[in-house]
Every structure is written in C-alpha cells, then in structure tokens.
Protein backbone atom coordinates (compact mmCIF):
# COMPACT_ATOMS: atom_id res chain seq x y z
CA VAL A 1 35.22 -18.77 -7.73
CA GLY A 2 37.98 -17.39 -10.34
CA ALA A 3 41.00 -18.25 -9.06
CA VAL A 4 39.97 -21.91 -8.72
CA ILE A 5 38.76 -21.98 -11.97
CA GLY A 6 41.63 -20.66 -13.67
CA ALA A 7 43.74 -22.66 -11.94
CA LEU A 8 41.50 -26.21 -12.61
CA GLY A 9 42.21 -24.78 -15.80
CA ALA A 10 45.48 -24.46 -15.85
CA LEU A 11 46.20 -28.82 -14.72
CA PHE A 12 43.23 -29.76 -16.69
CA ASP A 13 44.90 -28.60 -20.57
CA PRO A 14 48.25 -29.55 -20.05
CA ALA A 15 47.00 -33.08 -18.79
CA LEU A 16 44.51 -33.39 -21.57
CA GLN A 17 47.20 -32.48 -24.63
CA ALA A 18 49.14 -35.08 -22.54
CA SER A 19 46.27 -37.40 -22.51
CA LEU A 20 45.71 -37.70 -26.34
CA PRO A 21 48.26 -39.44 -27.46
CA ALA A 22 46.68 -42.54 -25.10
CA LEU A 23 43.51 -42.25 -27.39
CA ALA A 24 45.15 -41.52 -30.91
CA GLU A 25 47.42 -44.58 -31.97
CA ASP A 26 49.44 -42.91 -34.47
CA ARG A 27 50.43 -39.65 -35.64
CA GLN A 28 47.94 -39.02 -38.90
CA LEU A 29 45.46 -40.00 -36.35
CA LEU A 30 47.06 -38.01 -33.17
CA GLN A 31 47.17 -34.58 -35.80
CA ALA A 32 42.91 -35.44 -36.58
CA THR A 33 42.48 -35.87 -32.99
CA ASN A 34 44.05 -32.47 -32.29
CA GLY A 35 42.44 -30.82 -35.02
CA LEU A 36 38.60 -32.17 -33.41
CA MET A 37 39.19 -30.82 -30.18
CA ASP A 38 40.64 -27.18 -31.63
CA MET A 39 37.47 -27.33 -34.27
CA THR A 40 35.09 -27.98 -31.14
CA ARG A 41 36.78 -25.31 -28.99
CA ARG A 42 36.74 -22.59 -31.35
CA LEU A 43 33.42 -23.67 -32.68
CA ALA A 44 31.92 -23.57 -29.16
CA ARG A 45 33.53 -19.97 -29.10
CA ALA A 46 32.33 -18.82 -32.22
CA ILE A 47 28.14 -19.82 -31.62
CA ALA A 48 28.20 -18.94 -27.96
CA PRO A 49 27.15 -15.25 -28.48
CA SER A 50 24.09 -16.49 -30.62
CA ILE A 51 23.38 -19.23 -27.65
CA VAL A 52 23.27 -16.04 -25.38
CA GLY A 53 20.59 -14.02 -26.84
CA VAL A 54 17.92 -17.38 -27.17
CA LEU A 55 18.68 -18.41 -23.59
CA ALA A 56 18.22 -14.50 -22.40
CA ALA A 57 14.45 -14.76 -23.67
CA PHE A 58 13.50 -16.96 -20.90
CA LEU A 59 16.63 -17.64 -18.32
CA PRO A 60 17.58 -15.52 -15.71
CA LEU A 61 21.19 -14.46 -16.00
CA SER A 62 22.51 -15.99 -12.98
CA GLN A 63 21.52 -19.42 -14.43
CA PHE A 64 23.87 -19.18 -16.83
CA PHE A 65 26.47 -20.65 -14.52
CA THR A 66 24.26 -23.24 -13.68
CA LEU A 67 24.21 -24.35 -17.32
CA ASP A 68 27.93 -23.76 -17.42
CA ALA A 69 28.00 -25.91 -14.26
CA ILE A 70 26.23 -28.61 -15.92
CA SER A 71 28.46 -28.63 -18.77
CA PHE A 72 31.56 -29.39 -16.57
CA VAL A 73 29.79 -32.33 -14.74
CA ILE A 74 28.96 -33.48 -18.52
CA SER A 75 32.54 -33.61 -19.43
CA ALA A 76 33.68 -35.16 -16.27
CA VAL A 77 31.37 -37.82 -17.28
CA ALA A 78 32.10 -38.24 -21.26
CA ILE A 79 35.60 -38.31 -19.38
CA GLY A 80 35.24 -40.43 -16.72
CA SER A 81 33.62 -43.12 -19.07
CA LEU A 82 37.00 -44.19 -20.90
CA GLY A 83 37.73 -45.96 -17.69
CA ARG A 84 41.48 -46.78 -16.75
CA ARG A 85 42.21 -48.39 -20.31
CA PHE A 86 42.91 -44.62 -21.72
CA ARG A 87 44.14 -43.47 -18.85
CA TRP A 88 47.81 -41.42 -19.31
CA GLN A 89 50.50 -43.42 -17.62
CA PRO A 90 53.33 -41.08 -17.77
CA GLU A 91 57.31 -42.23 -18.02
CA ARG A 92 58.73 -42.39 -14.07
CA ARG A 93 61.97 -41.27 -12.74
CA ARG A 94 63.82 -44.42 -10.58
CA VAL A 95 64.25 -41.48 -8.36
CA ARG A 96 62.10 -38.43 -7.83
CA SER A 97 63.47 -34.89 -6.57
CA ARG A 98 61.42 -33.57 -3.91
CA ALA A 99 59.89 -30.11 -2.87
CA ILE A 100 60.51 -26.77 -4.48
CA ALA A 101 63.90 -27.82 -5.96
CA GLY A 102 62.41 -30.83 -7.69
CA VAL A 103 59.72 -28.41 -8.92
CA ALA A 104 62.55 -26.09 -9.96
CA THR A 105 64.65 -29.31 -11.33
CA GLU A 106 61.29 -30.57 -13.66
CA ILE A 107 60.76 -26.95 -14.84
CA ALA A 108 64.68 -26.48 -16.04
CA GLN A 109 64.69 -30.02 -17.86
CA SER A 110 61.84 -29.15 -19.65
CA GLY A 111 63.08 -26.07 -20.65
CA ARG A 112 65.70 -28.21 -22.10
CA LEU A 113 64.25 -30.69 -23.81
CA VAL A 114 62.52 -27.40 -25.52
CA TYR A 115 65.60 -26.06 -26.30
CA THR A 116 66.92 -29.45 -27.67
CA HIS A 117 64.07 -28.90 -30.38
CA LYS A 118 65.12 -26.13 -32.19
CA PRO A 119 62.28 -25.74 -34.44
CA LEU A 120 59.82 -25.87 -31.70
CA ALA A 121 62.14 -23.59 -29.37
CA TRP A 122 61.62 -21.40 -32.05
CA SER A 123 58.18 -21.57 -32.90
CA LEU A 124 57.22 -20.95 -29.19
CA GLY A 125 59.44 -18.07 -28.44
CA GLY A 126 57.70 -16.88 -31.97
CA GLY A 127 54.37 -17.87 -30.40
CA GLY A 128 54.44 -15.43 -28.13
CA PHE A 129 55.23 -12.46 -30.38
CA THR A 130 52.24 -13.73 -32.63
CA ASN A 131 49.84 -13.79 -29.92
CA LEU A 132 51.00 -10.55 -29.21
CA ALA A 133 49.92 -8.71 -32.08
CA TRP A 134 46.57 -10.94 -32.80
CA ASN A 135 45.22 -9.72 -29.12
CA ILE A 136 46.13 -6.15 -30.59
CA ALA A 137 45.24 -6.29 -33.72
CA PHE A 138 42.18 -8.40 -33.55
CA LEU A 139 40.55 -8.13 -30.05
CA VAL A 140 40.53 -4.70 -29.95
CA GLY A 141 41.23 -3.75 -33.87
CA VAL A 142 38.21 -5.29 -35.27
CA PRO A 143 35.92 -3.71 -32.99
CA LEU A 144 37.32 -0.63 -33.82
CA LEU A 145 37.94 -1.22 -37.44
CA ALA A 146 34.00 -1.61 -37.49
CA GLN A 147 32.74 1.51 -35.79
CA HIS A 148 35.11 4.00 -37.40
CA VAL A 149 36.88 2.73 -41.19
CA LEU A 150 33.82 0.48 -42.43
CA SER A 151 29.97 0.79 -41.88
CA GLY A 152 29.97 1.54 -37.81
CA SER A 153 27.41 -0.60 -37.48
CA ILE A 154 27.74 -4.05 -34.33
CA GLY A 155 26.63 -6.37 -38.27
CA ALA A 156 29.97 -5.58 -39.74
CA PHE A 157 31.83 -6.36 -36.64
CA GLY A 158 29.95 -9.88 -36.55
CA LEU A 159 30.66 -10.69 -40.28
CA ILE A 160 34.48 -10.30 -39.82
CA VAL A 161 33.91 -12.46 -36.20
CA GLY A 162 31.70 -14.75 -37.63
CA ALA A 163 34.20 -14.99 -40.79
CA TYR A 164 36.66 -15.64 -38.61
CA GLY A 165 35.32 -18.20 -36.33
CA VAL A 166 34.09 -20.21 -39.96
CA THR A 167 37.86 -20.10 -41.32
CA ASN A 168 39.06 -21.58 -38.28
CA VAL A 169 37.10 -24.52 -37.93
CA ILE A 170 37.42 -25.06 -41.68
CA GLY A 171 40.75 -24.92 -42.09
CA ASN A 172 40.81 -27.63 -38.61
CA LEU A 173 39.14 -29.54 -40.77
CA ILE A 174 41.83 -29.48 -43.73
CA ILE A 175 44.70 -29.42 -41.81
CA GLY A 176 43.34 -31.93 -39.37
CA SER A 177 42.99 -34.61 -42.10
CA VAL A 178 45.81 -34.43 -44.37
CA THR A 179 49.44 -35.99 -43.87
CA ILE A 180 51.72 -33.27 -43.57
CA HIS A 181 55.22 -34.41 -44.66
CA ARG A 182 56.99 -30.61 -43.98
CA ARG A 183 55.52 -29.74 -40.21
CA VAL A 184 58.90 -27.35 -39.60
CA ALA A 185 57.72 -25.02 -42.85
CA MET A 186 53.80 -25.61 -42.49
CA LEU A 187 54.24 -24.07 -38.90
CA PHE A 188 55.84 -21.15 -40.39
CA ALA A 189 53.87 -20.54 -43.66
CA GLY A 190 50.96 -20.70 -40.80
CA ARG A 191 51.90 -17.27 -39.04
CA LEU A 192 52.88 -16.05 -43.56
CA VAL A 193 49.43 -16.57 -43.94
CA MET A 194 47.93 -15.40 -40.60
CA GLY A 195 49.88 -12.40 -41.53
CA ALA A 196 49.16 -11.98 -44.91
CA GLY A 197 44.96 -11.82 -43.77
CA PHE A 198 45.47 -8.91 -41.44
CA LEU A 199 47.32 -7.01 -43.98
CA VAL A 200 44.48 -7.45 -46.01
CA LEU A 201 41.91 -6.57 -42.94
CA ALA A 202 44.40 -3.60 -42.37
CA SER A 203 43.68 -1.93 -45.91
CA ALA A 204 39.80 -2.84 -45.53
CA HIS A 205 37.36 -0.09 -46.90
CA SER A 206 34.28 -2.56 -47.28
CA VAL A 207 32.99 -5.49 -45.19
CA PRO A 208 33.47 -7.74 -47.81
CA VAL A 209 37.50 -7.22 -48.18
CA ALA A 210 37.51 -7.17 -44.36
CA VAL A 211 35.78 -10.40 -44.04
CA ILE A 212 38.19 -11.64 -47.08
CA GLY A 213 41.43 -10.40 -44.76
CA SER A 214 39.61 -12.34 -41.49
CA GLY A 215 39.14 -15.57 -43.31
CA ILE A 216 42.83 -15.39 -44.91
CA ALA A 217 44.01 -14.99 -41.26
CA ALA A 218 41.45 -17.23 -39.47
CA PHE A 219 43.10 -20.41 -42.04
CA GLY A 220 46.64 -19.63 -40.89
CA GLY A 221 46.12 -20.35 -37.65
CA PRO A 222 45.49 -24.14 -37.53
CA MET A 223 48.46 -24.42 -39.94
CA GLY A 224 50.54 -23.25 -37.16
CA ASP A 225 48.71 -24.32 -33.96
CA LEU A 226 48.08 -28.08 -34.91
CA VAL A 227 51.46 -29.24 -36.04
CA GLN A 228 52.67 -27.49 -32.78
CA LEU A 229 50.63 -29.35 -30.59
CA THR A 230 51.42 -32.69 -33.03
CA MET A 231 54.99 -32.13 -32.32
CA ILE A 232 54.80 -32.14 -28.50
CA GLN A 233 53.03 -34.45 -28.60
CA THR A 234 54.56 -37.00 -30.54
CA ASP A 235 58.85 -35.53 -30.00
CA PHE A 236 58.87 -35.28 -26.09
CA PRO A 237 58.71 -38.44 -23.87
CA SER A 238 54.89 -38.31 -22.18
CA SER A 239 56.05 -37.59 -18.71
CA GLN A 240 57.07 -34.05 -20.20
CA ILE A 241 54.45 -33.49 -22.83
CA GLY A 242 51.96 -31.44 -20.19
CA LYS A 243 54.98 -29.31 -18.64
CA VAL A 244 55.96 -28.15 -22.72
CA TYR A 245 52.44 -27.73 -23.33
CA SER A 246 52.02 -25.51 -19.93
CA LEU A 247 55.06 -23.94 -21.37
CA ARG A 248 53.66 -23.10 -24.77
CA SER A 249 50.69 -21.45 -22.89
CA THR A 250 52.53 -19.55 -20.27
CA ILE A 251 54.39 -17.64 -23.38
CA SER A 252 51.36 -17.09 -25.00
CA GLY A 253 49.40 -15.82 -21.89
CA VAL A 254 52.07 -13.95 -21.64
CA GLY A 255 52.52 -12.32 -25.03
CA GLY A 256 48.30 -12.31 -24.66
CA SER A 257 48.64 -10.33 -21.81
CA LEU A 258 51.23 -7.51 -23.15
CA GLY A 259 49.53 -6.73 -26.43
CA LEU A 260 46.62 -5.42 -24.31
CA LEU A 261 48.59 -3.36 -22.06
CA LEU A 262 50.09 -1.65 -25.49
CA ALA A 263 46.63 -1.69 -27.54
CA VAL A 264 45.45 1.36 -25.65
CA PRO A 265 48.60 3.47 -26.51
CA LEU A 266 49.15 2.42 -29.80
CA PHE A 267 45.35 3.03 -31.00
CA ALA A 268 45.07 6.30 -28.87
CA ARG A 269 48.23 7.28 -30.94
CA PHE A 270 48.16 5.97 -33.83
CA SER A 271 45.66 5.13 -36.81
CA VAL A 272 43.49 1.70 -36.73
CA ALA A 273 44.58 1.12 -40.04
CA ALA A 274 48.28 1.36 -39.23
CA VAL A 275 48.20 -0.74 -36.07
CA ILE A 276 46.57 -3.35 -37.77
CA ALA A 277 49.55 -3.44 -40.39
CA VAL A 278 52.35 -3.36 -38.01
CA CYS A 279 50.83 -6.37 -35.85
CA ALA A 280 50.13 -8.45 -39.57
CA LEU A 281 54.12 -7.68 -40.62
CA VAL A 282 54.97 -8.75 -37.02
CA MET A 283 53.06 -12.03 -37.79
CA ILE A 284 54.97 -12.28 -40.88
CA ALA A 285 58.28 -11.32 -39.38
CA VAL A 286 57.85 -14.47 -37.21
CA GLY A 287 57.12 -16.81 -40.37
CA ILE A 288 60.00 -15.45 -42.27
CA SER A 289 62.53 -16.05 -39.72
CA GLY A 290 61.53 -19.22 -39.35
CA PHE A 291 62.05 -20.15 -42.80
CA ILE A 292 65.17 -18.30 -42.97
CA ARG A 293 66.46 -20.35 -39.68
CA PHE A 294 65.18 -23.37 -40.91
CA GLY A 295 64.36 -23.60 -44.45
CA PHE A 296 62.27 -26.46 -46.02
CA SER A 297 64.05 -29.06 -44.68
CA GLU A 298 62.80 -31.20 -41.67
CA PRO A 299 65.49 -31.31 -39.19
CA ALA A 300 64.88 -34.72 -37.33
CA PRO A 301 63.64 -33.97 -34.12
CA PRO A 302 65.39 -34.82 -30.44
CA LEU A 303 65.43 -38.22 -29.34
CA ALA A 304 63.70 -37.20 -26.34
CA ARG A 305 62.44 -41.08 -25.29
CA GLU A 306 65.70 -42.60 -25.53
CA VAL A 307 67.72 -40.13 -23.64
CA GLU A 308 65.23 -38.42 -20.95
CA PHE A 309 66.63 -40.98 -17.76
CA PRO A 310 69.78 -43.22 -17.71
CA SER A 311 69.10 -46.42 -16.45
CA SER A 312 71.41 -45.56 -13.53
CA LEU A 313 69.41 -42.90 -12.21
C-alpha cells in the first residue's frame, strides 16, 4: 500500500504543478496560486497533530485511514468538478520516441532544458544541500535542542514547531501577493534568511529566542520555494513542467534522505548547537554562492517555448 501511494503521489504532484498555469492567467496570479497551494499544505501539516489528539478521543486508530481515504475522494471530486475546460494540454512532439529509449530521451531533454536556465539549475542544485541541512537541523536537531538545551519539555518543542508553521503560512501569504521583479535575487535571499534563522536557533538558550529563530527560518522558505515553482511553470514549455518538477523533487528527496542518514553520526559526535550552526552555514553558503554567481541581475530565461520542438520533426 505504501509503495502504491508513493508511486501515485509521484504522478500527482508533477501533474498538479503542470496544471496550475491552466488555472492562472498571468504570472502574478500564478505566483499567488502557488502561494495558496503551498500555504494549505503547510497549514495542514501544522494543525494535523492537534486534530489527532481530538479525534483519538472517540475514533479508533484504524479509522484514521478511513478518514484519509475519504479526504482523497473529496479531493478527486473537487478536481474533477473543474471540468475539461481546465484540463492540462501539453505541447506534443510530432514524432514520439518509444519504450525505454523514449524515456531516456525525455529525461535527457529535461536535463538540458534545466541546464540552459542557469539560475534555476543553480537553485535546484543548491536545494539538495539546503534540504539536507534542513532535515538535519529541524527534523532531528530541534527535538534534541528542546530536550537537552531548553526546558526539556514537549511544550518548548511545540512552540518552536508552531512558530515555524505559523510563519510559513504568513510568508506564503506575503510572498504570494507581492510583485517580485528580481526573482533570481529572491531565490537566493530566501536561503540567506533561512540560514540566519537557524543560526539564531543554534545560539538559543531560551525558548523565546528559539521561537524567534524558528520564525525567521520559516519565512525564508516561501521566499525561495514560490519563486522557484513559478519559474518552472512560466519559463518552460507545458510538456516539460512536470518533468522539471519531478527533477526538483528528486534532488530535494535525495538531499533530505542523506540528511537523515548523516544526522545520527553528527549528533552523536558533536553538540546539538554546533550541528545546527553548521547546517545554517550550509544554507547561507548556498545563498551567497547564488549572489556571487548571478548578483542582483535578472538574467533572461531561455526561450524554451519557442525552441523546444523544431517544426521539421
């Protein structure tokens, strides 16, 4: 069941990202739509633990899966209600490659397209390192920080995570509603803000300081993520959006998995604050490297839509 859910999710998420441009008529509306979608995801993850506590009082644990299944049915009905008018219509090749060779060709073409978009390629590569550092610092480091450095209570951990979730939502609302003229600068500024927040978190010896650091780090996430998603959706042909998004997810997933693998030996050997601080410096280094490479300029995106498929094919 887990394998099936994971496989279908790997199909749904890229298709969702490729479909959003059909719902949003211009770049600003698309950016706001991305912000709304990301906000609902982050908000659901933030409030889910508290809902579990309420439902567990009168609902058997096995029926949690029933509720989850019902939520998927509701989601499917909602998407189906959009009708055929909003159906994603990708650009097609006149000649289609087949079998394994065709898959390899598609993957290679998507990689070449991403490579031509230098800022996005740089950001995707840096995203792997950022996600590696985030998983170490937040998923493992924050619980250890709350236990060993702060009060040691579950309340301290809850406040830190709650601050992260709330600020994530606020960041999505703000970034999704403003006009961003320098998208490349915003991409890497988000990494700097996130790293700065984790530096504050690493130096925290009280819950209020840790909450502030968590909030700063959380605000940096939407700064980079929403711009990155909008770039993928607007700077690439519709037939490549899902593939580029899948590449993004793969890089992020590999980085996150490596982060969880490295977390155990790192925290066993070094102090909690030191490991979180190093992770923060990795995030800052990703941001600084982006500014060194591209400065505050806004390079023109590749003309992917015009050059994707020569008419001679």
